[in-house]
Amino acid sequence: MTDKVEEWLTSKKLNIIRDFRQQVRNLLDSVSAREKMSCFSCRSEATAICNYCFGSRVGGWLNKQDKILGVEFASYFKEEIASPKIAFA
């Protein structure tokens, strides 16, 4: 998903790619610092961070940079960052 977001930002001709890459590095560093690799939102053990969590963090960061950009991000990636469906036993 990182590549898709970076490609989208590049297509918008924005000068925040370097900052975006740093945000992603920080996010992945915080995820990998935990002992158990599971998504901190849905607790899925299939991935360190699901698209929903990634999208929430990146979308929040983009929204701080530019509110319109945050809205465009949420609209463009709405299917990929949809809330995870958690099954309760």
Protein backbone atom coordinates (compact mmCIF):
# COMPACT_ATOMS: atom_id res chain seq x y z
CA MET A 1 0.00 0.00 0.00
CA THR A 2 2.94 2.33 0.62
CA ASP A 3 3.85 2.23 -3.07
CA LYS A 4 0.27 3.01 -4.11
CA VAL A 5 0.06 6.01 -1.81
CA GLU A 6 3.46 7.28 -2.93
CA GLU A 7 2.44 6.91 -6.57
CA TRP A 8 -0.80 8.80 -5.85
CA LEU A 9 1.09 11.62 -4.09
CA THR A 10 3.58 11.80 -6.97
CA SER A 11 0.74 12.06 -9.49
CA LYS A 12 -0.54 15.07 -7.55
CA LYS A 13 2.89 16.67 -8.00
CA LEU A 14 3.24 17.30 -4.29
CA ASN A 15 6.53 18.05 -2.62
CA ILE A 16 5.86 15.96 0.47
CA ILE A 17 7.21 12.61 -0.76
CA ARG A 18 10.30 12.82 1.46
CA ASP A 19 8.14 13.62 4.50
CA PHE A 20 5.75 10.80 3.55
CA ARG A 21 8.60 8.30 3.38
CA GLN A 22 9.81 9.41 6.80
CA GLN A 23 6.31 8.99 8.25
CA VAL A 24 6.07 5.48 6.82
CA ARG A 25 9.52 4.62 8.23
CA ASN A 26 8.46 5.89 11.66
CA LEU A 27 5.22 3.92 11.49
CA LEU A 28 6.93 0.69 10.45
CA ASP A 29 9.63 1.16 13.08
CA SER A 30 6.96 1.50 15.78
CA VAL A 31 5.21 -1.61 14.50
CA SER A 32 8.38 -3.69 14.33
CA ALA A 33 9.44 -2.59 17.83
CA ARG A 34 6.64 -4.67 19.32
CA GLU A 35 7.41 -8.25 20.24
CA LYS A 36 4.35 -9.78 18.62
CA MET A 37 3.69 -8.97 14.99
CA SER A 38 -0.03 -8.38 14.77
CA CYS A 39 -2.07 -5.46 13.59
CA PHE A 40 -2.63 -3.07 16.46
CA SER A 41 -6.18 -2.36 15.30
CA CYS A 42 -7.77 -5.62 14.30
CA ARG A 43 -5.18 -7.89 15.96
CA SER A 44 -4.81 -9.88 12.77
CA GLU A 45 -1.66 -11.96 12.96
CA ALA A 46 -1.36 -12.19 9.19
CA THR A 47 0.30 -8.80 8.95
CA ALA A 48 2.22 -6.30 11.02
CA ILE A 49 -0.17 -3.53 10.01
CA CYS A 50 -3.38 -3.84 8.03
CA ASN A 51 -4.49 -1.44 5.33
CA TYR A 52 -7.05 0.09 7.70
CA CYS A 53 -4.42 0.99 10.30
CA PHE A 54 -1.95 2.16 7.67
CA GLY A 55 -4.63 4.26 6.00
CA SER A 56 -5.72 5.75 9.31
CA ARG A 57 -2.20 6.80 10.23
CA VAL A 58 -1.25 8.08 6.77
CA GLY A 59 -4.62 9.75 6.29
CA GLY A 60 -4.30 11.51 9.63
CA TRP A 61 -0.83 12.72 8.74
CA LEU A 62 -1.97 13.93 5.31
CA ASN A 63 -4.93 15.69 6.89
CA LYS A 64 -2.52 17.62 9.14
CA GLN A 65 -0.52 18.63 6.05
CA ASP A 66 -3.57 19.70 4.05
CA LYS A 67 -7.20 19.00 4.93
CA ILE A 68 -8.27 18.81 1.29
CA LEU A 69 -5.50 16.31 0.58
CA GLY A 70 -6.67 14.21 3.55
CA VAL A 71 -10.21 14.12 2.17
CA GLU A 72 -8.95 13.23 -1.31
CA PHE A 73 -6.83 10.43 0.16
CA ALA A 74 -9.79 8.97 2.06
CA SER A 75 -11.96 9.14 -1.04
CA TYR A 76 -9.37 7.67 -3.41
CA PHE A 77 -8.37 4.80 -1.11
CA LYS A 78 -11.78 4.19 0.53
CA GLU A 79 -12.03 0.55 -0.56
CA GLU A 80 -8.50 -0.32 0.53
CA ILE A 81 -8.71 1.36 3.93
CA ALA A 82 -12.19 0.23 4.87
CA SER A 83 -12.58 -0.79 8.49
CA PRO A 84 -11.64 -4.41 9.09
CA LYS A 85 -14.44 -6.84 9.66
CA ILE A 86 -13.72 -8.45 12.98
CA ALA A 87 -15.45 -11.74 13.77
CA PHE A 88 -16.31 -12.34 17.39
CA ALA A 89 -16.64 -15.89 18.59
